[in-house]
PDB file of all heavy atoms in Angstrom:
ATOM      1  N   ARG A   1      99.055 106.404  96.284  1.00  0.00           N
ATOM      2  CA  ARG A   1      99.283 105.850  94.942  1.00  0.00           C
ATOM      3  C   ARG A   1      99.527 104.350  95.040  1.00  0.00           C
ATOM      4  O   ARG A   1      99.048 103.569  94.214  1.00  0.00           O
ATOM      5  CB  ARG A   1     100.482 106.531  94.285  1.00  0.00           C
ATOM      6  CG  ARG A   1     100.615 106.230  92.783  1.00  0.00           C
ATOM      7  CD  ARG A   1     101.979 106.710  92.296  1.00  0.00           C
ATOM      8  NE  ARG A   1     102.031 106.913  90.866  1.00  0.00           N
ATOM      9  CZ  ARG A   1     102.271 105.970  89.957  1.00  0.00           C
ATOM     10  NH1 ARG A   1     102.446 104.708  90.347  1.00  0.00           N
ATOM     11  NH2 ARG A   1     102.334 106.260  88.669  1.00  0.00           N
ATOM     12  N   GLY A   2     100.271 103.945  96.055  1.00  0.00           N
ATOM     13  CA  GLY A   2     100.524 102.518  96.253  1.00  0.00           C
ATOM     14  C   GLY A   2      99.275 101.737  96.585  1.00  0.00           C
ATOM     15  O   GLY A   2      99.141 100.574  96.195  1.00  0.00           O
ATOM     16  N   LEU A   3      98.344 102.346  97.302  1.00  0.00           N
ATOM     17  CA  LEU A   3      97.088 101.679  97.629  1.00  0.00           C
ATOM     18  C   LEU A   3      96.179 101.555  96.418  1.00  0.00           C
ATOM     19  O   LEU A   3      95.513 100.533  96.230  1.00  0.00           O
ATOM     20  CB  LEU A   3      96.345 102.456  98.733  1.00  0.00           C
ATOM     21  CG  LEU A   3      96.820 102.286 100.171  1.00  0.00           C
ATOM     22  CD1 LEU A   3      96.044 103.237 101.083  1.00  0.00           C
ATOM     23  CD2 LEU A   3      96.634 100.844 100.640  1.00  0.00           C
ATOM     24  N   PHE A   4      96.148 102.612  95.599  1.00  0.00           N
ATOM     25  CA  PHE A   4      95.118 102.695  94.567  1.00  0.00           C
ATOM     26  C   PHE A   4      95.610 102.430  93.144  1.00  0.00           C
ATOM     27  O   PHE A   4      94.844 101.943  92.316  1.00  0.00           O
ATOM     28  CB  PHE A   4      94.458 104.087  94.610  1.00  0.00           C
ATOM     29  CG  PHE A   4      93.930 104.475  95.958  1.00  0.00           C
ATOM     30  CD1 PHE A   4      94.247 105.706  96.512  1.00  0.00           C
ATOM     31  CD2 PHE A   4      93.129 103.609  96.688  1.00  0.00           C
ATOM     32  CE1 PHE A   4      93.764 106.070  97.756  1.00  0.00           C
ATOM     33  CE2 PHE A   4      92.634 103.967  97.932  1.00  0.00           C
ATOM     34  CZ  PHE A   4      92.963 105.198  98.474  1.00  0.00           C
ATOM     35  N   ASP A   5      96.866 102.756  92.854  1.00  0.00           N
ATOM     36  CA  ASP A   5      97.310 102.658  91.461  1.00  0.00           C
ATOM     37  C   ASP A   5      98.820 102.423  91.382  1.00  0.00           C
ATOM     38  O   ASP A   5      99.550 103.191  90.752  1.00  0.00           O
ATOM     39  CB  ASP A   5      96.937 103.965  90.730  1.00  0.00           C
ATOM     40  CG  ASP A   5      96.931 103.813  89.219  1.00  0.00           C
ATOM     41  OD1 ASP A   5      96.856 102.668  88.732  1.00  0.00           O
ATOM     42  OD2 ASP A   5      96.993 104.852  88.534  1.00  0.00           O
ATOM     43  N   PRO A   6      99.313 101.343  91.986  1.00  0.00           N
ATOM     44  CA  PRO A   6     100.767 101.170  92.109  1.00  0.00           C
ATOM     45  C   PRO A   6     101.479 100.847  90.803  1.00  0.00           C
ATOM     46  O   PRO A   6     102.687 101.054  90.705  1.00  0.00           O
ATOM     47  CB  PRO A   6     100.884 100.008  93.093  1.00  0.00           C
ATOM     48  CG  PRO A   6      99.621  99.221  92.911  1.00  0.00           C
ATOM     49  CD  PRO A   6      98.562 100.246  92.622  1.00  0.00           C
ATOM     50  N   ASP A   7     100.766 100.325  89.832  1.00  0.00           N
ATOM     51  CA  ASP A   7     101.433  99.823  88.631  1.00  0.00           C
ATOM     52  C   ASP A   7     101.501 100.833  87.493  1.00  0.00           C
ATOM     53  O   ASP A   7     102.092 100.546  86.444  1.00  0.00           O
ATOM     54  CB  ASP A   7     100.711  98.562  88.140  1.00  0.00           C
ATOM     55  CG  ASP A   7     100.721  97.458  89.192  1.00  0.00           C
ATOM     56  OD1 ASP A   7     101.747  97.330  89.883  1.00  0.00           O
ATOM     57  OD2 ASP A   7      99.695  96.758  89.326  1.00  0.00           O
ATOM     58  N   ALA A   8     100.889 102.005  87.658  1.00  0.00           N
ATOM     59  CA  ALA A   8     100.906 103.005  86.589  1.00  0.00           C
ATOM     60  C   ALA A   8     102.320 103.543  86.386  1.00  0.00           C
ATOM     61  O   ALA A   8     103.117 103.620  87.327  1.00  0.00           O
ATOM     62  CB  ALA A   8      99.954 104.145  86.929  1.00  0.00           C
ATOM     63  N   ALA A   9     102.614 103.922  85.152  1.00  0.00           N
ATOM     64  CA  ALA A   9     103.908 104.528  84.849  1.00  0.00           C
ATOM     65  C   ALA A   9     104.003 105.889  85.529  1.00  0.00           C
ATOM     66  O   ALA A   9     102.984 106.535  85.787  1.00  0.00           O
ATOM     67  CB  ALA A   9     104.068 104.676  83.336  1.00  0.00           C
ATOM     68  N   PRO A  10     105.223 106.345  85.837  1.00  0.00           N
ATOM     69  CA  PRO A  10     105.379 107.657  86.478  1.00  0.00           C
ATOM     70  C   PRO A  10     104.693 108.760  85.686  1.00  0.00           C
ATOM     71  O   PRO A  10     104.854 108.864  84.467  1.00  0.00           O
ATOM     72  CB  PRO A  10     106.902 107.849  86.499  1.00  0.00           C
ATOM     73  CG  PRO A  10     107.454 106.461  86.502  1.00  0.00           C
ATOM     74  CD  PRO A  10     106.508 105.653  85.661  1.00  0.00           C
ATOM     75  N   GLY A  11     103.891 109.560  86.389  1.00  0.00           N
ATOM     76  CA  GLY A  11     103.187 110.662  85.750  1.00  0.00           C
ATOM     77  C   GLY A  11     101.899 110.279  85.070  1.00  0.00           C
ATOM     78  O   GLY A  11     101.164 111.145  84.591  1.00  0.00           O
ATOM     79  N   GLU A  12     101.578 108.996  85.029  1.00  0.00           N
ATOM     80  CA  GLU A  12     100.397 108.538  84.305  1.00  0.00           C
ATOM     81  C   GLU A  12      99.211 108.227  85.219  1.00  0.00           C
ATOM     82  O   GLU A  12      98.115 107.975  84.751  1.00  0.00           O
ATOM     83  CB  GLU A  12     100.732 107.283  83.495  1.00  0.00           C
ATOM     84  CG  GLU A  12     101.768 107.509  82.411  1.00  0.00           C
ATOM     85  CD  GLU A  12     101.302 108.540  81.395  1.00  0.00           C
ATOM     86  OE1 GLU A  12     100.114 108.477  80.986  1.00  0.00           O
ATOM     87  OE2 GLU A  12     102.109 109.415  81.031  1.00  0.00           O
ATOM     88  N   SER A  13      99.430 108.241  86.504  1.00  0.00           N
ATOM     89  CA  SER A  13      98.352 107.902  87.435  1.00  0.00           C
ATOM     90  C   SER A  13      97.550 109.147  87.807  1.00  0.00           C
ATOM     91  O   SER A  13      98.119 110.242  87.947  1.00  0.00           O
ATOM     92  CB  SER A  13      98.932 107.279  88.709  1.00  0.00           C
ATOM     93  OG  SER A  13      97.919 107.129  89.684  1.00  0.00           O
ATOM     94  N   PRO A  14      96.242 109.019  88.006  1.00  0.00           N
ATOM     95  CA  PRO A  14      95.466 110.159  88.513  1.00  0.00           C
ATOM     96  C   PRO A  14      95.876 110.560  89.919  1.00  0.00           C
ATOM     97  O   PRO A  14      95.458 111.609  90.405  1.00  0.00           O
ATOM     98  CB  PRO A  14      94.016 109.650  88.466  1.00  0.00           C
ATOM     99  CG  PRO A  14      94.110 108.170  88.428  1.00  0.00           C
ATOM    100  CD  PRO A  14      95.382 107.849  87.732  1.00  0.00           C
ATOM    101  N   PHE A  15      96.697 109.743  90.553  1.00  0.00           N
ATOM    102  CA  PHE A  15      97.147 110.056  91.909  1.00  0.00           C
ATOM    103  C   PHE A  15      98.545 110.674  91.936  1.00  0.00           C
ATOM    104  O   PHE A  15      99.133 110.829  93.000  1.00  0.00           O
ATOM    105  CB  PHE A  15      97.096 108.787  92.768  1.00  0.00           C
ATOM    106  CG  PHE A  15      95.719 108.205  92.835  1.00  0.00           C
ATOM    107  CD1 PHE A  15      95.373 107.121  92.037  1.00  0.00           C
ATOM    108  CD2 PHE A  15      94.753 108.756  93.643  1.00  0.00           C
ATOM    109  CE1 PHE A  15      94.098 106.590  92.063  1.00  0.00           C
ATOM    110  CE2 PHE A  15      93.465 108.242  93.685  1.00  0.00           C
ATOM    111  CZ  PHE A  15      93.136 107.150  92.892  1.00  0.00           C
ATOM    112  N   ASP A  16      99.060 111.026  90.768  1.00  0.00           N
ATOM    113  CA  ASP A  16     100.340 111.720  90.692  1.00  0.00           C
ATOM    114  C   ASP A  16     100.111 113.225  90.756  1.00  0.00           C
ATOM    115  O   ASP A  16      99.393 113.790  89.925  1.00  0.00           O
ATOM    116  CB  ASP A  16     101.067 111.374  89.381  1.00  0.00           C
ATOM    117  CG  ASP A  16     101.596 109.950  89.368  1.00  0.00           C
ATOM    118  OD1 ASP A  16     101.880 109.415  90.454  1.00  0.00           O
ATOM    119  OD2 ASP A  16     101.713 109.376  88.269  1.00  0.00           O
ATOM    120  N   HIS A  17     100.673 113.874  91.737  1.00  0.00           N
ATOM    121  CA  HIS A  17     100.608 115.329  91.812  1.00  0.00           C
ATOM    122  C   HIS A  17     101.753 115.839  92.667  1.00  0.00           C
ATOM    123  O   HIS A  17     102.454 115.069  93.319  1.00  0.00           O
ATOM    124  CB  HIS A  17      99.263 115.810  92.356  1.00  0.00           C
ATOM    125  CG  HIS A  17      98.921 115.254  93.704  1.00  0.00           C
ATOM    126  ND1 HIS A  17      98.119 114.159  93.876  1.00  0.00           N
ATOM    127  CD2 HIS A  17      99.295 115.638  94.952  1.00  0.00           C
ATOM    128  CE1 HIS A  17      98.005 113.893  95.163  1.00  0.00           C
ATOM    129  NE2 HIS A  17      98.712 114.769  95.839  1.00  0.00           N
ATOM    130  N   MET A  18     101.932 117.149  92.679  1.00  0.00           N
ATOM    131  CA  MET A  18     103.040 117.783  93.385  1.00  0.00           C
ATOM    132  C   MET A  18     102.562 118.447  94.677  1.00  0.00           C
ATOM    133  O   MET A  18     101.416 118.873  94.793  1.00  0.00           O
ATOM    134  CB  MET A  18     103.694 118.848  92.506  1.00  0.00           C
ATOM    135  CG  MET A  18     104.534 118.297  91.363  1.00  0.00           C
ATOM    136  SD  MET A  18     106.094 117.548  91.928  1.00  0.00           S
ATOM    137  CE  MET A  18     106.982 118.996  92.533  1.00  0.00           C
ATOM    138  N   ILE A  19     103.491 118.560  95.604  1.00  0.00           N
ATOM    139  CA  ILE A  19     103.296 119.346  96.813  1.00  0.00           C
ATOM    140  C   ILE A  19     104.265 120.519  96.733  1.00  0.00           C
ATOM    141  O   ILE A  19     105.486 120.331  96.675  1.00  0.00           O
ATOM    142  CB  ILE A  19     103.584 118.534  98.092  1.00  0.00           C
ATOM    143  CG1 ILE A  19     102.935 117.147  98.032  1.00  0.00           C
ATOM    144  CG2 ILE A  19     103.157 119.323  99.321  1.00  0.00           C
ATOM    145  CD1 ILE A  19     101.434 117.140  97.954  1.00  0.00           C
ATOM    146  N   TRP A  20     103.723 121.739  96.700  1.00  0.00           N
ATOM    147  CA  TRP A  20     104.528 122.948  96.629  1.00  0.00           C
ATOM    148  C   TRP A  20     104.488 123.653  97.980  1.00  0.00           C
ATOM    149  O   TRP A  20     103.438 123.724  98.614  1.00  0.00           O
ATOM    150  CB  TRP A  20     104.006 123.895  95.553  1.00  0.00           C
ATOM    151  CG  TRP A  20     103.864 123.271  94.198  1.00  0.00           C
ATOM    152  CD1 TRP A  20     102.745 122.693  93.661  1.00  0.00           C
ATOM    153  CD2 TRP A  20     104.883 123.149  93.197  1.00  0.00           C
ATOM    154  NE1 TRP A  20     102.996 122.224  92.395  1.00  0.00           N
ATOM    155  CE2 TRP A  20     104.306 122.490  92.083  1.00  0.00           C
ATOM    156  CE3 TRP A  20     106.218 123.535  93.135  1.00  0.00           C
ATOM    157  CZ2 TRP A  20     105.026 122.216  90.928  1.00  0.00           C
ATOM    158  CZ3 TRP A  20     106.939 123.262  91.982  1.00  0.00           C
ATOM    159  CH2 TRP A  20     106.341 122.609  90.886  1.00  0.00           C
ATOM    160  N   CYS A  21     105.614 124.193  98.389  1.00  0.00           N
ATOM    161  CA  CYS A  21     105.688 124.842  99.690  1.00  0.00           C
ATOM    162  C   CYS A  21     106.542 126.103  99.592  1.00  0.00           C
ATOM    163  O   CYS A  21     107.627 126.075  99.017  1.00  0.00           O
ATOM    164  CB  CYS A  21     106.291 123.872 100.720  1.00  0.00           C
ATOM    165  SG  CYS A  21     106.577 124.566 102.363  1.00  0.00           S
ATOM    166  N   PHE A  22     106.030 127.199 100.127  1.00  0.00           N
ATOM    167  CA  PHE A  22     106.824 128.419 100.275  1.00  0.00           C
ATOM    168  C   PHE A  22     107.327 128.473 101.718  1.00  0.00           C
ATOM    169  O   PHE A  22     106.549 128.263 102.659  1.00  0.00           O
ATOM    170  CB  PHE A  22     105.988 129.670  99.991  1.00  0.00           C
ATOM    171  CG  PHE A  22     105.825 130.000  98.534  1.00  0.00           C
ATOM    172  CD1 PHE A  22     106.229 129.118  97.539  1.00  0.00           C
ATOM    173  CD2 PHE A  22     105.257 131.208  98.142  1.00  0.00           C
ATOM    174  CE1 PHE A  22     106.072 129.435  96.194  1.00  0.00           C
ATOM    175  CE2 PHE A  22     105.093 131.537  96.806  1.00  0.00           C
ATOM    176  CZ  PHE A  22     105.506 130.652  95.821  1.00  0.00           C
ATOM    177  N   ALA A  23     108.611 128.771 101.885  1.00  0.00           N
ATOM    178  CA  ALA A  23     109.208 128.833 103.222  1.00  0.00           C
ATOM    179  C   ALA A  23     110.110 130.053 103.331  1.00  0.00           C
ATOM    180  O   ALA A  23     110.557 130.611 102.328  1.00  0.00           O
ATOM    181  CB  ALA A  23     110.002 127.559 103.507  1.00  0.00           C
ATOM    182  N   SER A  24     110.369 130.435 104.567  1.00  0.00           N
ATOM    183  CA  SER A  24     111.172 131.624 104.843  1.00  0.00           C
ATOM    184  C   SER A  24     112.397 131.257 105.678  1.00  0.00           C
ATOM    185  O   SER A  24     112.555 130.107 106.101  1.00  0.00           O
ATOM    186  CB  SER A  24     110.324 132.635 105.624  1.00  0.00           C
ATOM    187  OG  SER A  24     109.945 132.071 106.887  1.00  0.00           O
ATOM    188  N   GLU A  25     113.236 132.251 105.952  1.00  0.00           N
ATOM    189  CA  GLU A  25     114.381 131.999 106.828  1.00  0.00           C
ATOM    190  C   GLU A  25     113.921 131.464 108.179  1.00  0.00           C
ATOM    191  O   GLU A  25     114.562 130.598 108.774  1.00  0.00           O
ATOM    192  CB  GLU A  25     115.195 133.280 107.040  1.00  0.00           C
ATOM    193  CG  GLU A  25     116.310 133.479 106.043  1.00  0.00           C
ATOM    194  CD  GLU A  25     115.959 134.513 104.978  1.00  0.00           C
ATOM    195  OE1 GLU A  25     114.804 134.984 104.951  1.00  0.00           O
ATOM    196  OE2 GLU A  25     116.827 134.836 104.162  1.00  0.00           O
TER     197      GLU A  25
END
């Protein structure tokens, strides 16, 4: 995001997305 679209507002950049992870004991 910093390389391609650093000035966009939070959540407004096409490079904003989540990383979801399932984990166990």
